[in-house]
Amino acid sequence: MKERILSRWSFLRILWLVMGVGITIQAISERNFLMLLPGIYFVFGAIANIGCFAGTCATGYVRDDRTQKERAISDVEYEEVGSKN
């Protein structure tokens, strides 16, 4: 978790953090506790790098650049058929 918090900071992640802190402070100062939820979501998501912040999803997804036809061809399994002697 420490590595996730301290690494891979981008401009958009910092922007989400700043927006979240701003929304949270504004919600607390105006006592609008319903707006506190999105503020906390933005802050927590930016710090923990959880969620999709403009394409920086932390899902562990590995992009597969093969076309659908290439995937279909490589996924074919063959079964050896025995012949009668």
PDB file of N, CA and C in Angstrom:
ATOM      1  N   MET A   1       0.827  -1.190   0.000  1.00  0.00           N
ATOM      2  CA  MET A   1       0.000   0.000   0.000  1.00  0.00           C
ATOM      3  C   MET A   1       0.872   1.255   0.000  1.00  0.00           C
ATOM      4  N   LYS A   2       1.997   1.174   0.723  1.00  0.00           N
ATOM      5  CA  LYS A   2       2.902   2.325   0.780  1.00  0.00           C
ATOM      6  C   LYS A   2       3.429   2.657  -0.609  1.00  0.00           C
ATOM      7  N   GLU A   3       3.758   1.609  -1.388  1.00  0.00           N
ATOM      8  CA  GLU A   3       4.265   1.824  -2.740  1.00  0.00           C
ATOM      9  C   GLU A   3       3.184   2.439  -3.629  1.00  0.00           C
ATOM     10  N   ARG A   4       1.950   1.998  -3.466  1.00  0.00           N
ATOM     11  CA  ARG A   4       0.847   2.530  -4.265  1.00  0.00           C
ATOM     12  C   ARG A   4       0.619   4.010  -3.970  1.00  0.00           C
ATOM     13  N   ILE A   5       0.778   4.404  -2.707  1.00  0.00           N
ATOM     14  CA  ILE A   5       0.562   5.802  -2.329  1.00  0.00           C
ATOM     15  C   ILE A   5       1.699   6.687  -2.828  1.00  0.00           C
ATOM     16  N   LEU A   6       2.925   6.215  -2.727  1.00  0.00           N
ATOM     17  CA  LEU A   6       4.079   7.059  -3.022  1.00  0.00           C
ATOM     18  C   LEU A   6       4.519   7.051  -4.474  1.00  0.00           C
ATOM     19  N   SER A   7       4.025   6.131  -5.294  1.00  0.00           N
ATOM     20  CA  SER A   7       4.526   6.040  -6.664  1.00  0.00           C
ATOM     21  C   SER A   7       3.448   6.399  -7.678  1.00  0.00           C
ATOM     22  N   ARG A   8       3.904   6.656  -8.903  1.00  0.00           N
ATOM     23  CA  ARG A   8       3.061   6.910 -10.068  1.00  0.00           C
ATOM     24  C   ARG A   8       2.137   8.110  -9.906  1.00  0.00           C
ATOM     25  N   TRP A   9       2.655   9.198  -9.362  1.00  0.00           N
ATOM     26  CA  TRP A   9       1.866  10.430  -9.259  1.00  0.00           C
ATOM     27  C   TRP A   9       1.904  11.135 -10.599  1.00  0.00           C
ATOM     28  N   SER A  10       0.751  11.460 -11.125  1.00  0.00           N
ATOM     29  CA  SER A  10       0.655  12.181 -12.387  1.00  0.00           C
ATOM     30  C   SER A  10      -0.076  13.506 -12.143  1.00  0.00           C
ATOM     31  N   PHE A  11      -0.115  14.309 -13.172  1.00  0.00           N
ATOM     32  CA  PHE A  11      -0.802  15.592 -13.068  1.00  0.00           C
ATOM     33  C   PHE A  11      -2.274  15.391 -12.712  1.00  0.00           C
ATOM     34  N   LEU A  12      -2.926  14.420 -13.351  1.00  0.00           N
ATOM     35  CA  LEU A  12      -4.352  14.200 -13.096  1.00  0.00           C
ATOM     36  C   LEU A  12      -4.605  13.688 -11.685  1.00  0.00           C
ATOM     37  N   ARG A  13      -3.711  12.876 -11.173  1.00  0.00           N
ATOM     38  CA  ARG A  13      -3.880  12.372  -9.806  1.00  0.00           C
ATOM     39  C   ARG A  13      -3.744  13.516  -8.793  1.00  0.00           C
ATOM     40  N   ILE A  14      -2.796  14.409  -9.036  1.00  0.00           N
ATOM     41  CA  ILE A  14      -2.635  15.585  -8.173  1.00  0.00           C
ATOM     42  C   ILE A  14      -3.857  16.495  -8.298  1.00  0.00           C
ATOM     43  N   LEU A  15      -4.369  16.655  -9.518  1.00  0.00           N
ATOM     44  CA  LEU A  15      -5.555  17.467  -9.730  1.00  0.00           C
ATOM     45  C   LEU A  15      -6.745  16.905  -8.963  1.00  0.00           C
ATOM     46  N   TRP A  16      -6.942  15.586  -8.993  1.00  0.00           N
ATOM     47  CA  TRP A  16      -8.034  14.968  -8.245  1.00  0.00           C
ATOM     48  C   TRP A  16      -7.867  15.195  -6.748  1.00  0.00           C
ATOM     49  N   LEU A  17      -6.626  15.124  -6.267  1.00  0.00           N
ATOM     50  CA  LEU A  17      -6.376  15.362  -4.846  1.00  0.00           C
ATOM     51  C   LEU A  17      -6.727  16.802  -4.468  1.00  0.00           C
ATOM     52  N   VAL A  18      -6.293  17.748  -5.276  1.00  0.00           N
ATOM     53  CA  VAL A  18      -6.580  19.159  -5.002  1.00  0.00           C
ATOM     54  C   VAL A  18      -8.086  19.418  -5.056  1.00  0.00           C
ATOM     55  N   MET A  19      -8.760  18.847  -6.050  1.00  0.00           N
ATOM     56  CA  MET A  19     -10.206  19.008  -6.151  1.00  0.00           C
ATOM     57  C   MET A  19     -10.903  18.396  -4.942  1.00  0.00           C
ATOM     58  N   GLY A  20     -10.452  17.227  -4.524  1.00  0.00           N
ATOM     59  CA  GLY A  20     -11.066  16.568  -3.375  1.00  0.00           C
ATOM     60  C   GLY A  20     -10.893  17.353  -2.094  1.00  0.00           C
ATOM     61  N   VAL A  21      -9.694  17.882  -1.888  1.00  0.00           N
ATOM     62  CA  VAL A  21      -9.452  18.701  -0.695  1.00  0.00           C
ATOM     63  C   VAL A  21     -10.305  19.959  -0.745  1.00  0.00           C
ATOM     64  N   GLY A  22     -10.408  20.582  -1.915  1.00  0.00           N
ATOM     65  CA  GLY A  22     -11.231  21.783  -2.059  1.00  0.00           C
ATOM     66  C   GLY A  22     -12.702  21.509  -1.790  1.00  0.00           C
ATOM     67  N   ILE A  23     -13.210  20.426  -2.357  1.00  0.00           N
ATOM     68  CA  ILE A  23     -14.616  20.065  -2.135  1.00  0.00           C
ATOM     69  C   ILE A  23     -14.862  19.753  -0.667  1.00  0.00           C
ATOM     70  N   THR A  24     -13.934  19.033  -0.034  1.00  0.00           N
ATOM     71  CA  THR A  24     -14.077  18.667   1.376  1.00  0.00           C
ATOM     72  C   THR A  24     -14.075  19.905   2.264  1.00  0.00           C
ATOM     73  N   ILE A  25     -13.139  20.817   2.039  1.00  0.00           N
ATOM     74  CA  ILE A  25     -13.073  22.046   2.839  1.00  0.00           C
ATOM     75  C   ILE A  25     -14.335  22.883   2.636  1.00  0.00           C
ATOM     76  N   GLN A  26     -14.783  23.003   1.393  1.00  0.00           N
ATOM     77  CA  GLN A  26     -15.991  23.778   1.105  1.00  0.00           C
ATOM     78  C   GLN A  26     -17.213  23.149   1.779  1.00  0.00           C
ATOM     79  N   ALA A  27     -17.312  21.832   1.736  1.00  0.00           N
ATOM     80  CA  ALA A  27     -18.457  21.147   2.351  1.00  0.00           C
ATOM     81  C   ALA A  27     -18.468  21.333   3.861  1.00  0.00           C
ATOM     82  N   ILE A  28     -17.300  21.268   4.473  1.00  0.00           N
ATOM     83  CA  ILE A  28     -17.226  21.444   5.930  1.00  0.00           C
ATOM     84  C   ILE A  28     -17.539  22.891   6.306  1.00  0.00           C
ATOM     85  N   SER A  29     -16.986  23.849   5.561  1.00  0.00           N
ATOM     86  CA  SER A  29     -17.210  25.254   5.914  1.00  0.00           C
ATOM     87  C   SER A  29     -18.672  25.673   5.737  1.00  0.00           C
ATOM     88  N   GLU A  30     -19.364  25.079   4.771  1.00  0.00           N
ATOM     89  CA  GLU A  30     -20.772  25.419   4.558  1.00  0.00           C
ATOM     90  C   GLU A  30     -21.724  24.453   5.272  1.00  0.00           C
ATOM     91  N   ARG A  31     -21.159  23.506   5.995  1.00  0.00           N
ATOM     92  CA  ARG A  31     -21.939  22.485   6.701  1.00  0.00           C
ATOM     93  C   ARG A  31     -22.891  21.739   5.759  1.00  0.00           C
ATOM     94  N   ASN A  32     -22.390  21.481   4.576  1.00  0.00           N
ATOM     95  CA  ASN A  32     -23.130  20.720   3.569  1.00  0.00           C
ATOM     96  C   ASN A  32     -22.517  19.311   3.540  1.00  0.00           C
ATOM     97  N   PHE A  33     -22.995  18.474   4.424  1.00  0.00           N
ATOM     98  CA  PHE A  33     -22.359  17.184   4.610  1.00  0.00           C
ATOM     99  C   PHE A  33     -22.650  16.204   3.484  1.00  0.00           C
ATOM    100  N   LEU A  34     -23.622  16.493   2.648  1.00  0.00           N
ATOM    101  CA  LEU A  34     -23.874  15.654   1.485  1.00  0.00           C
ATOM    102  C   LEU A  34     -22.741  15.802   0.465  1.00  0.00           C
ATOM    103  N   MET A  35     -22.182  16.986   0.351  1.00  0.00           N
ATOM    104  CA  MET A  35     -21.048  17.214  -0.556  1.00  0.00           C
ATOM    105  C   MET A  35     -19.735  16.686   0.013  1.00  0.00           C
ATOM    106  N   LEU A  36     -19.758  16.309   1.268  1.00  0.00           N
ATOM    107  CA  LEU A  36     -18.559  15.745   1.880  1.00  0.00           C
ATOM    108  C   LEU A  36     -18.216  14.379   1.276  1.00  0.00           C
ATOM    109  N   LEU A  37     -19.227  13.637   0.869  1.00  0.00           N
ATOM    110  CA  LEU A  37     -19.002  12.308   0.283  1.00  0.00           C
ATOM    111  C   LEU A  37     -18.175  12.353  -1.006  1.00  0.00           C
ATOM    112  N   PRO A  38     -18.538  13.199  -1.989  1.00  0.00           N
ATOM    113  CA  PRO A  38     -17.685  13.267  -3.179  1.00  0.00           C
ATOM    114  C   PRO A  38     -16.276  13.771  -2.861  1.00  0.00           C
ATOM    115  N   GLY A  39     -16.167  14.700  -1.912  1.00  0.00           N
ATOM    116  CA  GLY A  39     -14.846  15.201  -1.542  1.00  0.00           C
ATOM    117  C   GLY A  39     -13.959  14.106  -0.979  1.00  0.00           C
ATOM    118  N   ILE A  40     -14.529  13.304  -0.102  1.00  0.00           N
ATOM    119  CA  ILE A  40     -13.765  12.197   0.483  1.00  0.00           C
ATOM    120  C   ILE A  40     -13.426  11.164  -0.582  1.00  0.00           C
ATOM    121  N   TYR A  41     -14.363  10.928  -1.509  1.00  0.00           N
ATOM    122  CA  TYR A  41     -14.101   9.986  -2.603  1.00  0.00           C
ATOM    123  C   TYR A  41     -12.910  10.446  -3.446  1.00  0.00           C
ATOM    124  N   PHE A  42     -12.900  11.719  -3.815  1.00  0.00           N
ATOM    125  CA  PHE A  42     -11.801  12.256  -4.619  1.00  0.00           C
ATOM    126  C   PHE A  42     -10.469  12.141  -3.870  1.00  0.00           C
ATOM    127  N   VAL A  43     -10.456  12.528  -2.607  1.00  0.00           N
ATOM    128  CA  VAL A  43      -9.215  12.494  -1.823  1.00  0.00           C
ATOM    129  C   VAL A  43      -8.727  11.059  -1.651  1.00  0.00           C
ATOM    130  N   PHE A  44      -9.604  10.164  -1.228  1.00  0.00           N
ATOM    131  CA  PHE A  44      -9.201   8.776  -1.006  1.00  0.00           C
ATOM    132  C   PHE A  44      -8.754   8.113  -2.304  1.00  0.00           C
ATOM    133  N   GLY A  45      -9.500   8.362  -3.384  1.00  0.00           N
ATOM    134  CA  GLY A  45      -9.126   7.774  -4.667  1.00  0.00           C
ATOM    135  C   GLY A  45      -7.776   8.256  -5.159  1.00  0.00           C
ATOM    136  N   ALA A  46      -7.489   9.531  -4.981  1.00  0.00           N
ATOM    137  CA  ALA A  46      -6.205  10.074  -5.432  1.00  0.00           C
ATOM    138  C   ALA A  46      -5.055   9.565  -4.572  1.00  0.00           C
ATOM    139  N   ILE A  47      -5.242   9.524  -3.269  1.00  0.00           N
ATOM    140  CA  ILE A  47      -4.156   9.075  -2.393  1.00  0.00           C
ATOM    141  C   ILE A  47      -3.875   7.590  -2.576  1.00  0.00           C
ATOM    142  N   ALA A  48      -4.914   6.774  -2.606  1.00  0.00           N
ATOM    143  CA  ALA A  48      -4.732   5.326  -2.697  1.00  0.00           C
ATOM    144  C   ALA A  48      -4.591   4.841  -4.131  1.00  0.00           C
ATOM    145  N   ASN A  49      -4.763   5.729  -5.108  1.00  0.00           N
ATOM    146  CA  ASN A  49      -4.711   5.391  -6.526  1.00  0.00           C
ATOM    147  C   ASN A  49      -5.705   4.273  -6.846  1.00  0.00           C
ATOM    148  N   ILE A  50      -6.912   4.438  -6.318  1.00  0.00           N
ATOM    149  CA  ILE A  50      -7.984   3.477  -6.546  1.00  0.00           C
ATOM    150  C   ILE A  50      -9.035   4.157  -7.398  1.00  0.00           C
ATOM    151  N   GLY A  51      -9.540   3.440  -8.382  1.00  0.00           N
ATOM    152  CA  GLY A  51     -10.532   4.014  -9.280  1.00  0.00           C
ATOM    153  C   GLY A  51      -9.888   4.421 -10.580  1.00  0.00           C
ATOM    154  N   CYS A  52     -10.669   4.968 -11.448  1.00  0.00           N
ATOM    155  CA  CYS A  52     -10.154   5.376 -12.758  1.00  0.00           C
ATOM    156  C   CYS A  52     -10.078   6.883 -12.825  1.00  0.00           C
ATOM    157  N   PHE A  53      -8.896   7.385 -12.745  1.00  0.00           N
ATOM    158  CA  PHE A  53      -8.659   8.817 -12.839  1.00  0.00           C
ATOM    159  C   PHE A  53      -8.138   9.115 -14.236  1.00  0.00           C
ATOM    160  N   ALA A  54      -9.079   9.311 -15.162  1.00  0.00           N
ATOM    161  CA  ALA A  54      -8.760   9.662 -16.548  1.00  0.00           C
ATOM    162  C   ALA A  54      -7.815   8.653 -17.185  1.00  0.00           C
ATOM    163  N   GLY A  55      -8.117   7.389 -17.040  1.00  0.00           N
ATOM    164  CA  GLY A  55      -7.351   6.352 -17.716  1.00  0.00           C
ATOM    165  C   GLY A  55      -6.228   5.756 -16.909  1.00  0.00           C
ATOM    166  N   THR A  56      -6.053   6.129 -15.674  1.00  0.00           N
ATOM    167  CA  THR A  56      -4.994   5.549 -14.857  1.00  0.00           C
ATOM    168  C   THR A  56      -5.578   4.538 -13.889  1.00  0.00           C
ATOM    169  N   CYS A  57      -6.334   3.606 -14.422  1.00  0.00           N
ATOM    170  CA  CYS A  57      -6.988   2.608 -13.576  1.00  0.00           C
ATOM    171  C   CYS A  57      -5.948   1.717 -12.909  1.00  0.00           C
ATOM    172  N   ALA A  58      -6.138   1.447 -11.666  1.00  0.00           N
ATOM    173  CA  ALA A  58      -5.250   0.566 -10.921  1.00  0.00           C
ATOM    174  C   ALA A  58      -5.906  -0.784 -10.748  1.00  0.00           C
ATOM    175  N   THR A  59      -6.238  -1.405 -11.875  1.00  0.00           N
ATOM    176  CA  THR A  59      -6.954  -2.670 -11.825  1.00  0.00           C
ATOM    177  C   THR A  59      -6.058  -3.856 -12.091  1.00  0.00           C
ATOM    178  N   GLY A  60      -4.844  -3.624 -12.517  1.00  0.00           N
ATOM    179  CA  GLY A  60      -3.958  -4.725 -12.858  1.00  0.00           C
ATOM    180  C   GLY A  60      -4.242  -5.269 -14.251  1.00  0.00           C
ATOM    181  N   TYR A  61      -5.029  -4.555 -15.041  1.00  0.00           N
ATOM    182  CA  TYR A  61      -5.387  -4.987 -16.394  1.00  0.00           C
ATOM    183  C   TYR A  61      -4.173  -4.851 -17.303  1.00  0.00           C
ATOM    184  N   VAL A  62      -3.904  -5.887 -18.065  1.00  0.00           N
ATOM    185  CA  VAL A  62      -2.822  -5.857 -19.040  1.00  0.00           C
ATOM    186  C   VAL A  62      -3.453  -5.748 -20.417  1.00  0.00           C
ATOM    187  N   ARG A  63      -3.060  -4.752 -21.150  1.00  0.00           N
ATOM    188  CA  ARG A  63      -3.655  -4.505 -22.460  1.00  0.00           C
ATOM    189  C   ARG A  63      -3.200  -5.574 -23.440  1.00  0.00           C
ATOM    190  N   ASP A  64      -4.132  -6.125 -24.189  1.00  0.00           N
ATOM    191  CA  ASP A  64      -3.852  -7.140 -25.192  1.00  0.00           C
ATOM    192  C   ASP A  64      -3.998  -6.491 -26.557  1.00  0.00           C
ATOM    193  N   ASP A  65      -2.880  -6.274 -27.246  1.00  0.00           N
ATOM    194  CA  ASP A  65      -2.897  -5.566 -28.522  1.00  0.00           C
ATOM    195  C   ASP A  65      -3.229  -6.462 -29.713  1.00  0.00           C
ATOM    196  N   ARG A  66      -3.433  -7.750 -29.459  1.00  0.00           N
ATOM    197  CA  ARG A  66      -3.774  -8.633 -30.568  1.00  0.00           C
ATOM    198  C   ARG A  66      -5.196  -8.354 -31.028  1.00  0.00           C
ATOM    199  N   THR A  67      -5.440  -8.595 -32.303  1.00  0.00           N
ATOM    200  CA  THR A  67      -6.790  -8.425 -32.816  1.00  0.00           C
ATOM    201  C   THR A  67      -7.643  -9.603 -32.371  1.00  0.00           C
ATOM    202  N   GLN A  68      -8.936  -9.478 -32.565  1.00  0.00           N
ATOM    203  CA  GLN A  68      -9.843 -10.546 -32.150  1.00  0.00           C
ATOM    204  C   GLN A  68      -9.536 -11.827 -32.927  1.00  0.00           C
ATOM    205  N   LYS A  69      -9.190 -11.694 -34.189  1.00  0.00           N
ATOM    206  CA  LYS A  69      -8.872 -12.868 -35.018  1.00  0.00           C
ATOM    207  C   LYS A  69      -7.607 -13.558 -34.518  1.00  0.00           C
ATOM    208  N   GLU A  70      -6.577 -12.774 -34.163  1.00  0.00           N
ATOM    209  CA  GLU A  70      -5.338 -13.357 -33.641  1.00  0.00           C
ATOM    210  C   GLU A  70      -5.579 -14.075 -32.327  1.00  0.00           C
ATOM    211  N   ARG A  71      -6.436 -13.498 -31.452  1.00  0.00           N
ATOM    212  CA  ARG A  71      -6.739 -14.149 -30.181  1.00  0.00           C
ATOM    213  C   ARG A  71      -7.483 -15.453 -30.422  1.00  0.00           C
ATOM    214  N   ALA A  72      -8.406 -15.462 -31.372  1.00  0.00           N
ATOM    215  CA  ALA A  72      -9.181 -16.669 -31.661  1.00  0.00           C
ATOM    216  C   ALA A  72      -8.278 -17.767 -32.201  1.00  0.00           C
ATOM    217  N   ILE A  73      -7.319 -17.402 -33.037  1.00  0.00           N
ATOM    218  CA  ILE A  73      -6.422 -18.395 -33.613  1.00  0.00           C
ATOM    219  C   ILE A  73      -5.494 -18.964 -32.549  1.00  0.00           C
ATOM    220  N   SER A  74      -4.960 -18.124 -31.677  1.00  0.00           N
ATOM    221  CA  SER A  74      -4.009 -18.598 -30.675  1.00  0.00           C
ATOM    222  C   SER A  74      -4.685 -19.373 -29.552  1.00  0.00           C
ATOM    223  N   ASP A  75      -5.998 -19.202 -29.381  1.00  0.00           N
ATOM    224  CA  ASP A  75      -6.702 -19.890 -28.307  1.00  0.00           C
ATOM    225  C   ASP A  75      -7.249 -21.250 -28.717  1.00  0.00           C
ATOM    226  N   VAL A  76      -6.997 -21.661 -29.939  1.00  0.00           N
ATOM    227  CA  VAL A  76      -7.497 -22.953 -30.414  1.00  0.00           C
ATOM    228  C   VAL A  76      -6.696 -24.068 -29.763  1.00  0.00           C
ATOM    229  N   GLU A  77      -7.395 -25.051 -29.232  1.00  0.00           N
ATOM    230  CA  GLU A  77      -6.737 -26.215 -28.643  1.00  0.00           C
ATOM    231  C   GLU A  77      -6.947 -27.401 -29.563  1.00  0.00           C
ATOM    232  N   TYR A  78      -5.902 -28.182 -29.766  1.00  0.00           N
ATOM    233  CA  TYR A  78      -5.961 -29.327 -30.648  1.00  0.00           C
ATOM    234  C   TYR A  78      -5.940 -30.600 -29.819  1.00  0.00           C
ATOM    235  N   GLU A  79      -6.674 -31.572 -30.299  1.00  0.00           N
ATOM    236  CA  GLU A  79      -6.722 -32.862 -29.633  1.00  0.00           C
ATOM    237  C   GLU A  79      -6.270 -33.914 -30.638  1.00  0.00           C
ATOM    238  N   GLU A  80      -5.321 -34.716 -30.208  1.00  0.00           N
ATOM    239  CA  GLU A  80      -4.804 -35.745 -31.103  1.00  0.00           C
ATOM    240  C   GLU A  80      -5.801 -36.888 -31.183  1.00  0.00           C
ATOM    241  N   VAL A  81      -6.100 -37.279 -32.401  1.00  0.00           N
ATOM    242  CA  VAL A  81      -7.069 -38.351 -32.638  1.00  0.00           C
ATOM    243  C   VAL A  81      -6.281 -39.604 -32.994  1.00  0.00           C
ATOM    244  N   GLY A  82      -6.529 -40.674 -32.259  1.00  0.00           N
ATOM    245  CA  GLY A  82      -5.813 -41.931 -32.523  1.00  0.00           C
ATOM    246  C   GLY A  82      -6.398 -42.647 -33.728  1.00  0.00           C
ATOM    247  N   SER A  83      -5.543 -43.342 -34.432  1.00  0.00           N
ATOM    248  CA  SER A  83      -5.992 -44.080 -35.624  1.00  0.00           C
ATOM    249  C   SER A  83      -6.041 -45.570 -35.292  1.00  0.00           C
ATOM    250  N   LYS A  84      -6.907 -46.316 -35.999  1.00  0.00           N
ATOM    251  CA  LYS A  84      -7.031 -47.754 -35.790  1.00  0.00           C
ATOM    252  C   LYS A  84      -5.938 -48.440 -36.587  1.00  0.00           C
ATOM    253  N   ASN A  85      -5.253 -49.382 -35.950  1.00  0.00           N
ATOM    254  CA  ASN A  85      -4.191 -50.130 -36.649  1.00  0.00           C
ATOM    255  C   ASN A  85      -4.638 -51.520 -36.959  1.00  0.00           C
TER     256      ASN A  85
END
